[in-house]
N, C-alpha and C. Protein backbone atom coordinates (compact mmCIF):
# COMPACT_ATOMS: atom_id res chain seq x y z
N MET A 1 87.26 39.81 106.78
CA MET A 1 87.26 40.82 108.07
C MET A 1 86.45 41.83 107.48
N THR A 2 85.80 42.38 108.48
CA THR A 2 84.73 43.51 108.40
C THR A 2 85.63 44.66 109.21
N ALA A 3 85.08 45.89 109.00
CA ALA A 3 85.53 47.36 109.55
C ALA A 3 84.37 47.78 109.93
N THR A 4 85.02 48.86 111.28
CA THR A 4 83.47 49.41 111.67
C THR A 4 84.84 50.95 111.78
N THR A 5 83.65 51.69 110.97
CA THR A 5 84.16 53.28 110.57
C THR A 5 83.79 54.06 111.90
N VAL A 6 84.68 55.00 112.35
CA VAL A 6 84.60 55.87 113.51
C VAL A 6 84.41 57.02 112.96
N GLU A 7 83.83 57.70 113.45
CA GLU A 7 84.08 59.73 112.87
C GLU A 7 84.32 60.40 114.14
N HIS A 8 85.34 61.53 113.75
CA HIS A 8 85.95 62.30 114.70
C HIS A 8 85.62 63.58 114.48
N PRO A 9 85.10 64.38 114.46
CA PRO A 9 84.32 64.12 116.22
C PRO A 9 83.00 63.59 115.90
N GLY A 10 82.60 62.73 116.88
CA GLY A 10 81.54 61.69 116.98
C GLY A 10 81.42 61.18 118.37
N PRO A 11 80.17 60.28 118.44
CA PRO A 11 79.67 59.94 119.95
C PRO A 11 80.98 58.75 120.16
N LEU A 12 82.05 58.22 119.50
CA LEU A 12 83.07 57.17 120.27
C LEU A 12 84.27 58.13 120.34
N LEU A 13 84.18 59.38 119.42
CA LEU A 13 85.72 59.78 119.47
C LEU A 13 84.90 61.45 119.56
N PRO A 14 84.73 62.15 120.86
CA PRO A 14 84.20 63.12 120.52
C PRO A 14 85.55 64.20 120.60
N GLY A 15 85.08 65.29 119.68
CA GLY A 15 86.10 66.08 119.66
C GLY A 15 85.99 67.40 121.13
N ALA A 16 86.99 68.42 120.77
CA ALA A 16 86.94 69.33 122.23
C ALA A 16 85.68 70.07 122.64
N PRO A 17 85.40 70.07 123.96
CA PRO A 17 84.37 70.75 124.47
C PRO A 17 84.30 71.94 123.80
N ARG A 18 82.89 72.57 123.91
CA ARG A 18 82.24 73.90 123.13
C ARG A 18 82.79 74.71 124.16
N PHE A 19 83.10 75.74 124.11
CA PHE A 19 83.62 76.79 124.95
C PHE A 19 82.81 78.51 124.29
N ARG A 20 82.92 79.52 124.69
CA ARG A 20 82.67 80.42 124.50
C ARG A 20 83.35 81.73 125.09
N LEU A 21 83.74 83.02 124.68
CA LEU A 21 84.34 84.07 125.26
C LEU A 21 83.98 85.40 124.73
N ASP A 22 84.24 86.13 125.42
CA ASP A 22 83.82 87.78 125.03
C ASP A 22 85.12 88.24 124.36
N LEU A 23 85.11 88.62 123.12
CA LEU A 23 86.35 89.05 122.41
C LEU A 23 86.56 90.47 122.53
N PRO A 24 87.46 91.03 123.12
CA PRO A 24 87.38 92.44 122.91
C PRO A 24 87.29 93.06 121.76
N ASP A 25 86.76 94.49 121.74
CA ASP A 25 87.26 95.16 120.42
C ASP A 25 88.85 95.34 120.22
N GLY A 26 88.99 95.27 118.53
CA GLY A 26 90.26 95.21 118.20
C GLY A 26 91.14 93.98 118.58
N TRP A 27 91.02 92.96 118.87
CA TRP A 27 91.56 91.60 118.87
C TRP A 27 90.74 90.56 118.44
N HIS A 28 91.78 89.32 117.94
CA HIS A 28 91.18 88.32 117.39
C HIS A 28 91.71 87.31 117.91
N ALA A 29 90.70 85.99 117.26
CA ALA A 29 91.13 84.78 117.99
C ALA A 29 91.62 83.78 116.49
N ALA A 30 92.00 82.64 116.76
CA ALA A 30 92.35 81.85 115.79
C ALA A 30 92.81 80.36 116.75
N PRO A 31 92.94 79.45 115.90
CA PRO A 31 93.10 78.25 116.27
C PRO A 31 94.66 78.21 116.67
N ALA A 32 95.27 77.45 117.12
CA ALA A 32 96.77 77.45 116.73
C ALA A 32 97.48 76.18 117.23
N PRO A 33 98.28 75.82 116.99
CA PRO A 33 99.05 74.47 117.75
C PRO A 33 98.60 74.15 118.93
N ARG A 34 97.90 73.03 119.17
CA ARG A 34 97.82 72.59 120.74
C ARG A 34 97.13 73.21 121.47
N ALA A 35 96.20 74.61 120.83
CA ALA A 35 95.84 75.13 121.49
C ALA A 35 94.43 75.01 120.60
N LEU A 36 93.52 75.42 121.57
CA LEU A 36 91.87 75.13 120.96
C LEU A 36 91.46 76.85 120.20
N ALA A 37 92.21 77.83 120.77
CA ALA A 37 92.23 79.09 120.35
C ALA A 37 93.24 79.94 121.29
N VAL A 38 93.74 81.16 120.72
CA VAL A 38 94.11 82.28 121.10
C VAL A 38 94.05 83.41 120.65
N ALA A 39 93.92 84.15 121.43
CA ALA A 39 93.09 85.64 121.32
C ALA A 39 94.26 86.40 121.75
N ARG A 40 94.58 87.39 121.04
CA ARG A 40 95.34 88.69 121.11
C ARG A 40 94.79 89.76 120.45
N PRO A 41 95.60 91.20 120.75
CA PRO A 41 95.66 92.30 120.25
C PRO A 41 95.37 91.98 118.61
N ALA A 42 94.78 92.74 117.78
CA ALA A 42 94.96 92.58 116.27
C ALA A 42 96.22 93.26 115.88
N VAL A 43 96.56 94.49 116.55
CA VAL A 43 97.87 95.23 116.26
C VAL A 43 98.71 94.70 117.21
N ASP A 44 99.83 94.48 116.60
CA ASP A 44 101.28 94.00 117.39
C ASP A 44 101.44 95.00 118.50
N VAL A 45 102.03 95.09 119.72
CA VAL A 45 102.37 95.84 120.99
C VAL A 45 103.81 95.36 120.92
N PRO A 46 104.51 97.08 121.20
CA PRO A 46 106.08 96.36 121.50
C PRO A 46 106.41 96.01 122.58
N GLY A 47 107.31 94.91 122.48
CA GLY A 47 107.68 93.86 123.94
C GLY A 47 106.86 92.59 123.54
N PHE A 48 106.34 92.16 124.76
CA PHE A 48 105.87 90.70 124.70
C PHE A 48 104.36 90.92 124.36
N GLN A 49 103.54 90.22 123.47
CA GLN A 49 102.08 90.31 122.87
C GLN A 49 101.47 89.39 123.99
N PRO A 50 100.58 90.31 124.59
CA PRO A 50 99.63 89.99 125.45
C PRO A 50 98.58 88.88 124.69
N ASN A 51 98.39 87.82 125.53
CA ASN A 51 97.18 86.93 125.01
C ASN A 51 96.76 86.09 126.01
N LEU A 52 95.73 85.59 125.44
CA LEU A 52 94.52 84.48 125.91
C LEU A 52 94.70 83.11 124.99
N THR A 53 94.92 82.23 126.07
CA THR A 53 95.28 80.87 125.39
C THR A 53 94.16 80.06 125.78
N VAL A 54 93.41 78.99 124.89
CA VAL A 54 92.27 78.04 125.32
C VAL A 54 92.83 76.59 125.27
N THR A 55 93.00 75.84 125.87
CA THR A 55 93.82 74.58 125.53
C THR A 55 92.28 73.13 126.19
N ALA A 56 92.75 72.35 126.04
CA ALA A 56 91.96 71.42 126.53
C ALA A 56 92.44 69.59 126.41
N ASP A 57 92.10 69.06 127.60
CA ASP A 57 92.85 67.67 127.77
C ASP A 57 91.83 66.87 128.30
N LEU A 58 91.97 65.29 128.09
CA LEU A 58 91.14 64.28 128.67
C LEU A 58 91.88 64.31 129.67
N VAL A 59 90.63 64.16 130.96
CA VAL A 59 91.63 63.41 132.16
C VAL A 59 90.21 62.31 132.87
N PRO A 60 90.86 61.51 133.50
CA PRO A 60 90.00 60.59 134.17
C PRO A 60 88.71 61.11 134.70
N ALA A 61 87.44 60.62 134.68
CA ALA A 61 86.52 61.43 135.19
C ALA A 61 86.84 61.23 137.19
N GLY A 62 86.65 62.11 137.80
CA GLY A 62 86.76 62.06 139.08
C GLY A 62 88.05 63.05 139.31
N THR A 63 88.86 63.73 138.50
CA THR A 63 89.78 64.21 138.45
C THR A 63 89.29 65.70 138.78
N THR A 64 90.04 66.47 139.64
CA THR A 64 89.28 67.60 139.77
C THR A 64 90.05 68.71 139.35
N ALA A 65 89.63 69.99 138.94
CA ALA A 65 90.43 70.91 138.53
C ALA A 65 91.92 71.27 139.21
N ALA A 66 91.63 71.49 140.52
CA ALA A 66 92.86 71.24 141.47
C ALA A 66 94.23 70.56 140.89
N GLN A 67 93.86 69.21 140.85
CA GLN A 67 94.38 68.04 140.18
C GLN A 67 95.40 68.53 139.29
N VAL A 68 94.41 68.71 138.01
CA VAL A 68 94.97 69.12 136.64
C VAL A 68 95.96 70.26 137.17
N LEU A 69 95.48 71.28 137.47
CA LEU A 69 96.56 72.36 137.69
C LEU A 69 97.72 72.28 138.34
N ASP A 70 97.53 71.62 139.41
CA ASP A 70 99.11 70.87 140.31
C ASP A 70 99.89 70.17 139.33
N ALA A 71 99.50 69.30 138.59
CA ALA A 71 99.88 68.70 137.66
C ALA A 71 100.83 69.18 136.57
N MET A 72 100.22 70.78 136.30
CA MET A 72 100.87 71.42 134.82
C MET A 72 101.84 72.24 135.61
N LEU A 73 101.47 72.74 137.02
CA LEU A 73 102.30 73.70 137.46
C LEU A 73 103.74 73.03 137.93
N ALA A 74 103.38 71.55 138.41
CA ALA A 74 104.58 70.79 138.69
C ALA A 74 105.87 71.03 137.68
N GLN A 75 105.65 70.87 136.46
CA GLN A 75 106.28 71.35 135.16
C GLN A 75 106.74 72.96 134.56
N TYR A 76 105.97 73.73 135.53
CA TYR A 76 106.32 75.64 135.24
C TYR A 76 107.47 75.59 135.77
N PRO A 77 108.21 76.50 134.43
CA PRO A 77 109.16 77.07 134.93
C PRO A 77 109.25 78.71 135.73
N GLY A 78 108.27 78.74 136.05
CA GLY A 78 108.22 80.26 136.65
C GLY A 78 107.88 80.07 138.38
N THR A 79 107.40 80.89 138.90
CA THR A 79 106.98 81.04 140.33
C THR A 79 105.52 81.34 140.36
N ARG A 80 105.14 80.52 141.34
CA ARG A 80 103.49 80.77 141.53
C ARG A 80 103.50 82.22 142.58
N GLN A 81 102.58 82.94 142.41
CA GLN A 81 101.76 83.75 143.43
C GLN A 81 100.87 83.87 144.10
N PRO A 82 100.64 84.72 145.11
CA PRO A 82 99.38 84.20 145.66
C PRO A 82 98.20 85.16 144.55
N VAL A 83 97.17 84.29 144.77
CA VAL A 83 95.72 84.55 144.26
C VAL A 83 94.96 85.71 144.80
N PRO A 84 94.69 86.58 144.17
CA PRO A 84 93.64 88.00 144.97
C PRO A 84 92.20 86.98 145.59
N PRO A 85 92.08 87.56 146.52
CA PRO A 85 90.23 86.90 146.98
C PRO A 85 89.36 86.95 146.16
N VAL A 86 88.32 85.78 146.27
CA VAL A 86 87.35 86.01 145.62
C VAL A 86 86.63 86.92 145.88
N ASP A 87 86.26 87.62 144.33
CA ASP A 87 85.20 88.80 144.48
C ASP A 87 83.86 88.58 144.73
N ALA A 88 83.04 88.59 145.79
CA ALA A 88 81.97 87.72 145.89
C ALA A 88 80.81 88.60 145.01
N SER A 89 81.01 89.56 144.43
CA SER A 89 79.97 89.74 143.10
C SER A 89 79.92 88.94 141.81
N THR A 90 81.23 88.51 141.75
CA THR A 90 81.26 88.16 140.58
C THR A 90 81.68 86.55 140.70
N GLY A 91 82.23 86.34 141.86
CA GLY A 91 82.74 84.62 141.99
C GLY A 91 84.18 84.63 141.35
N ASP A 92 84.76 85.85 140.95
CA ASP A 92 85.92 85.53 140.49
C ASP A 92 87.15 85.79 141.47
N GLY A 93 88.01 84.75 141.41
CA GLY A 93 89.48 85.13 142.16
C GLY A 93 89.68 83.53 142.41
N ALA A 94 89.97 83.54 143.90
CA ALA A 94 91.16 82.39 144.25
C ALA A 94 90.66 80.82 144.33
N GLY A 95 92.10 80.60 143.85
CA GLY A 95 91.97 79.20 143.53
C GLY A 95 91.24 78.08 144.08
N ASP A 96 91.17 77.06 144.71
CA ASP A 96 90.26 76.02 144.39
C ASP A 96 89.05 75.86 145.48
N ASP A 97 88.92 77.33 145.63
CA ASP A 97 87.74 77.81 146.84
C ASP A 97 86.69 78.46 145.91
N ALA A 98 86.99 78.66 144.58
CA ALA A 98 86.28 79.29 143.80
C ALA A 98 84.64 78.49 143.49
N PRO A 99 83.65 79.11 143.62
CA PRO A 99 82.45 78.57 143.64
C PRO A 99 81.76 77.63 142.56
N ASP A 100 82.63 77.66 141.29
CA ASP A 100 82.05 76.83 140.51
C ASP A 100 83.32 75.65 140.23
N GLY A 101 84.25 75.39 141.13
CA GLY A 101 84.97 74.11 141.19
C GLY A 101 86.06 74.77 140.31
N THR A 102 86.53 76.09 139.72
CA THR A 102 87.57 76.28 138.83
C THR A 102 88.95 76.39 139.83
N ALA A 103 89.90 75.76 139.24
CA ALA A 103 91.10 76.12 140.20
C ALA A 103 91.74 77.01 139.60
N ARG A 104 92.43 78.24 140.22
CA ARG A 104 93.25 79.29 139.68
C ARG A 104 94.46 79.17 140.42
N ALA A 105 95.32 79.85 139.18
CA ALA A 105 96.60 80.44 139.72
C ALA A 105 97.07 81.50 139.15
N ALA A 106 98.09 82.12 139.93
CA ALA A 106 98.68 83.76 139.26
C ALA A 106 100.32 82.90 139.09
N LEU A 107 100.68 83.17 138.01
CA LEU A 107 102.17 82.95 137.76
C LEU A 107 103.27 84.37 137.40
N VAL A 108 104.55 84.22 137.60
CA VAL A 108 105.24 84.90 137.23
C VAL A 108 106.40 84.21 136.57
N ARG A 109 106.70 84.36 135.37
CA ARG A 109 108.12 83.74 134.72
C ARG A 109 108.89 84.89 134.17
N ALA A 110 110.14 84.48 133.56
CA ALA A 110 111.21 85.33 133.10
C ALA A 110 110.68 85.14 131.51
N HIS A 111 111.13 85.88 130.71
CA HIS A 111 110.84 86.03 128.89
C HIS A 111 111.90 86.64 128.46
N GLY A 112 112.35 86.65 127.17
CA GLY A 112 113.17 87.11 126.54
C GLY A 112 112.63 88.59 126.76
N THR A 113 111.68 89.21 126.50
CA THR A 113 111.38 90.49 126.69
C THR A 113 110.84 91.19 128.33
N GLY A 114 111.39 89.99 129.06
CA GLY A 114 111.20 90.58 130.35
C GLY A 114 110.30 89.98 131.19
N THR A 115 109.59 90.41 132.11
CA THR A 115 108.87 89.10 133.41
C THR A 115 107.61 89.31 132.88
N VAL A 116 107.00 88.37 132.45
CA VAL A 116 105.71 87.85 131.94
C VAL A 116 104.81 87.03 133.49
N HIS A 117 103.55 87.77 133.26
CA HIS A 117 102.75 87.60 134.53
C HIS A 117 101.42 86.50 133.77
N GLN A 118 101.15 85.61 134.69
CA GLN A 118 100.19 84.48 134.00
C GLN A 118 98.84 84.51 134.94
N ARG A 119 97.81 84.21 134.19
CA ARG A 119 96.55 83.97 135.13
C ARG A 119 96.33 82.36 134.80
N VAL A 120 95.78 81.40 135.29
CA VAL A 120 95.37 80.00 134.65
C VAL A 120 94.29 79.91 135.67
N ASP A 121 93.59 79.35 134.41
CA ASP A 121 92.08 78.98 135.29
C ASP A 121 92.07 77.47 134.59
N VAL A 122 91.57 76.11 135.71
CA VAL A 122 91.24 75.14 134.83
C VAL A 122 89.68 74.95 135.60
N HIS A 123 89.14 74.74 134.41
CA HIS A 123 87.58 74.13 134.20
C HIS A 123 87.20 72.58 134.12
N VAL A 124 86.92 71.61 134.82
CA VAL A 124 86.42 70.31 134.67
C VAL A 124 85.35 70.39 133.88
N ASP A 125 84.86 70.23 132.88
CA ASP A 125 83.57 69.98 131.92
C ASP A 125 82.91 68.66 132.75
N PRO A 126 81.88 69.21 133.18
CA PRO A 126 81.08 67.88 133.64
C PRO A 126 80.45 66.77 132.59
N THR A 127 80.52 67.27 131.48
CA THR A 127 79.97 66.22 130.57
C THR A 127 80.62 65.10 130.06
N PRO A 128 79.92 63.95 130.61
CA PRO A 128 81.04 62.70 130.25
C PRO A 128 81.34 62.23 128.76
N VAL A 129 82.50 62.02 128.72
CA VAL A 129 83.24 61.68 127.74
C VAL A 129 83.32 60.07 127.41
N PRO A 130 83.39 59.51 126.52
CA PRO A 130 83.50 57.94 126.38
C PRO A 130 84.94 57.42 127.05
N GLY A 131 85.16 56.62 127.54
CA GLY A 131 86.08 55.77 128.48
C GLY A 131 86.35 56.74 129.43
N GLY A 132 85.16 56.74 129.96
CA GLY A 132 85.16 57.38 131.51
C GLY A 132 86.07 58.41 131.70
N HIS A 133 85.98 59.79 130.73
CA HIS A 133 86.94 60.75 130.64
C HIS A 133 85.93 62.18 130.88
N ARG A 134 86.56 63.14 131.11
CA ARG A 134 85.84 64.63 131.16
C ARG A 134 87.13 65.32 130.18
N HIS A 135 86.70 66.60 129.70
CA HIS A 135 87.65 67.68 129.31
C HIS A 135 87.84 68.29 130.58
N ALA A 136 89.08 68.97 130.67
CA ALA A 136 89.79 69.58 131.49
C ALA A 136 90.05 70.87 130.46
N VAL A 137 89.51 71.95 130.96
CA VAL A 137 89.92 73.23 129.74
C VAL A 137 90.40 74.05 130.55
N THR A 138 91.73 74.70 129.87
CA THR A 138 92.64 75.60 130.83
C THR A 138 92.66 76.99 129.78
N VAL A 139 92.40 77.95 130.71
CA VAL A 139 92.49 79.36 129.88
C VAL A 139 93.79 80.02 130.59
N VAL A 140 94.86 80.50 129.95
CA VAL A 140 95.90 80.87 130.21
C VAL A 140 96.11 82.57 129.82
N SER A 141 95.97 83.69 130.98
CA SER A 141 96.01 85.04 130.20
C SER A 141 97.52 85.12 130.63
N SER A 142 98.09 85.67 129.45
CA SER A 142 99.63 86.43 129.81
C SER A 142 100.27 87.69 129.14
N TRP A 143 100.68 88.52 130.16
CA TRP A 143 101.09 89.58 129.73
C TRP A 143 102.01 90.46 130.39
N SER A 144 102.95 91.23 130.13
CA SER A 144 104.28 92.00 130.87
C SER A 144 103.78 92.88 131.90
N ALA A 145 104.68 93.71 132.52
CA ALA A 145 104.58 94.65 133.03
C ALA A 145 104.87 96.08 132.38
N THR A 146 105.25 95.82 131.27
CA THR A 146 104.75 96.90 130.17
C THR A 146 104.04 96.92 128.81
N THR A 147 102.84 95.92 129.43
CA THR A 147 101.50 95.83 128.62
C THR A 147 100.54 97.12 129.23
N PRO A 148 100.36 98.03 128.03
CA PRO A 148 99.33 98.82 128.57
C PRO A 148 98.05 98.25 129.34
N THR A 149 97.42 99.19 130.37
CA THR A 149 96.42 98.71 131.28
C THR A 149 95.11 98.80 130.44
N ASP A 150 95.03 99.56 129.51
CA ASP A 150 93.54 99.31 128.60
C ASP A 150 93.91 97.51 127.82
N LEU A 151 94.69 97.34 127.65
CA LEU A 151 95.15 95.79 127.01
C LEU A 151 95.04 94.83 128.34
N ARG A 152 95.58 95.03 129.42
CA ARG A 152 95.59 94.21 130.69
C ARG A 152 94.28 94.09 131.06
N ASP A 153 93.36 95.36 131.02
CA ASP A 153 91.77 95.13 131.48
C ASP A 153 91.24 94.41 130.48
N ALA A 154 91.22 94.54 129.14
CA ALA A 154 90.42 93.90 128.16
C ALA A 154 90.80 92.58 128.25
N LEU A 155 92.20 91.72 128.63
CA LEU A 155 92.44 90.78 128.61
C LEU A 155 91.85 90.43 129.79
N ALA A 156 91.87 90.96 130.74
CA ALA A 156 91.22 90.40 132.10
C ALA A 156 89.43 90.30 131.40
N ALA A 157 89.10 90.93 131.19
CA ALA A 157 87.68 90.60 130.87
C ALA A 157 87.16 89.12 129.60
N ALA A 158 88.33 89.20 129.15
CA ALA A 158 88.03 87.86 128.15
C ALA A 158 88.39 86.94 129.03
N HIS A 159 89.06 86.82 129.78
CA HIS A 159 89.83 85.64 130.67
C HIS A 159 88.45 85.29 131.41
N THR A 160 88.04 86.23 132.20
CA THR A 160 86.83 85.84 133.03
C THR A 160 85.27 85.59 132.07
N SER A 161 85.26 86.05 131.12
CA SER A 161 84.44 85.46 129.90
C SER A 161 83.98 84.17 129.52
N VAL A 162 85.27 83.48 129.79
CA VAL A 162 84.79 81.94 129.27
C VAL A 162 84.30 80.84 129.94
N ARG A 163 83.43 80.68 129.28
CA ARG A 163 82.82 79.61 129.75
C ARG A 163 82.28 78.17 128.81
N LEU A 164 82.30 77.37 129.79
CA LEU A 164 81.73 75.80 128.87
C LEU A 164 80.73 75.99 128.39
N GLY A 165 80.16 74.82 127.58
CA GLY A 165 79.01 75.14 126.61
C GLY A 165 78.75 76.02 125.45
N ALA A 166 77.89 76.41 125.30
CA ALA A 166 77.64 77.64 124.17
C ALA A 166 76.02 78.10 124.22
N ALA A 167 76.17 79.01 123.90
CA ALA A 167 74.63 79.77 124.26
C ALA A 167 73.64 79.36 123.04
N ASP A 168 73.98 78.39 122.12
CA ASP A 168 73.22 77.85 121.49
C ASP A 168 73.78 76.55 120.83
N PRO A 169 72.61 75.61 120.53
CA PRO A 169 73.46 74.44 120.22
C PRO A 169 74.01 74.09 119.35
N ALA A 170 75.02 73.04 119.43
CA ALA A 170 75.61 72.68 118.37
C ALA A 170 74.71 72.27 117.37
N PRO A 171 75.54 72.88 116.10
CA PRO A 171 74.84 72.64 114.47
C PRO A 171 74.85 70.67 114.35
N ALA A 172 73.79 70.28 114.07
CA ALA A 172 73.58 68.78 113.71
C ALA A 172 74.90 68.19 112.21
């Protein structure tokens, strides 16, 4: 019997999609279980620790970001809130009408430290993956009402900086 060796990541078993984000000064990022990256302030803050999480899942080609978001929110323990309107200068804002096809949601849920607010953006990478799939990349920012304004602003800037792909080609 002969065997075929496949490598991960490789052409038959691709790894996670490349992405980039602008990490605020005083923040650090690291991989985490079930996440490609978690970014948070380097110094703990009292109460809930604000954070940004990036995850990826394979979805069938043709699946929209809105479909991925709806499936995710069907299991969400919190409440969906109205999303602010699109900012014409940046393209940042509301749900399925985002110019780049990104689906967005604003969420609120109870947490041991109080109420947690979340912004969720789902991007579907147009790069085909073997087996008729695409990567759906989900970016979630989480903060509480007690999170200082400067940290909320830094978190929002990091969240909106996430882009699929990379500024430079992948190493060979």
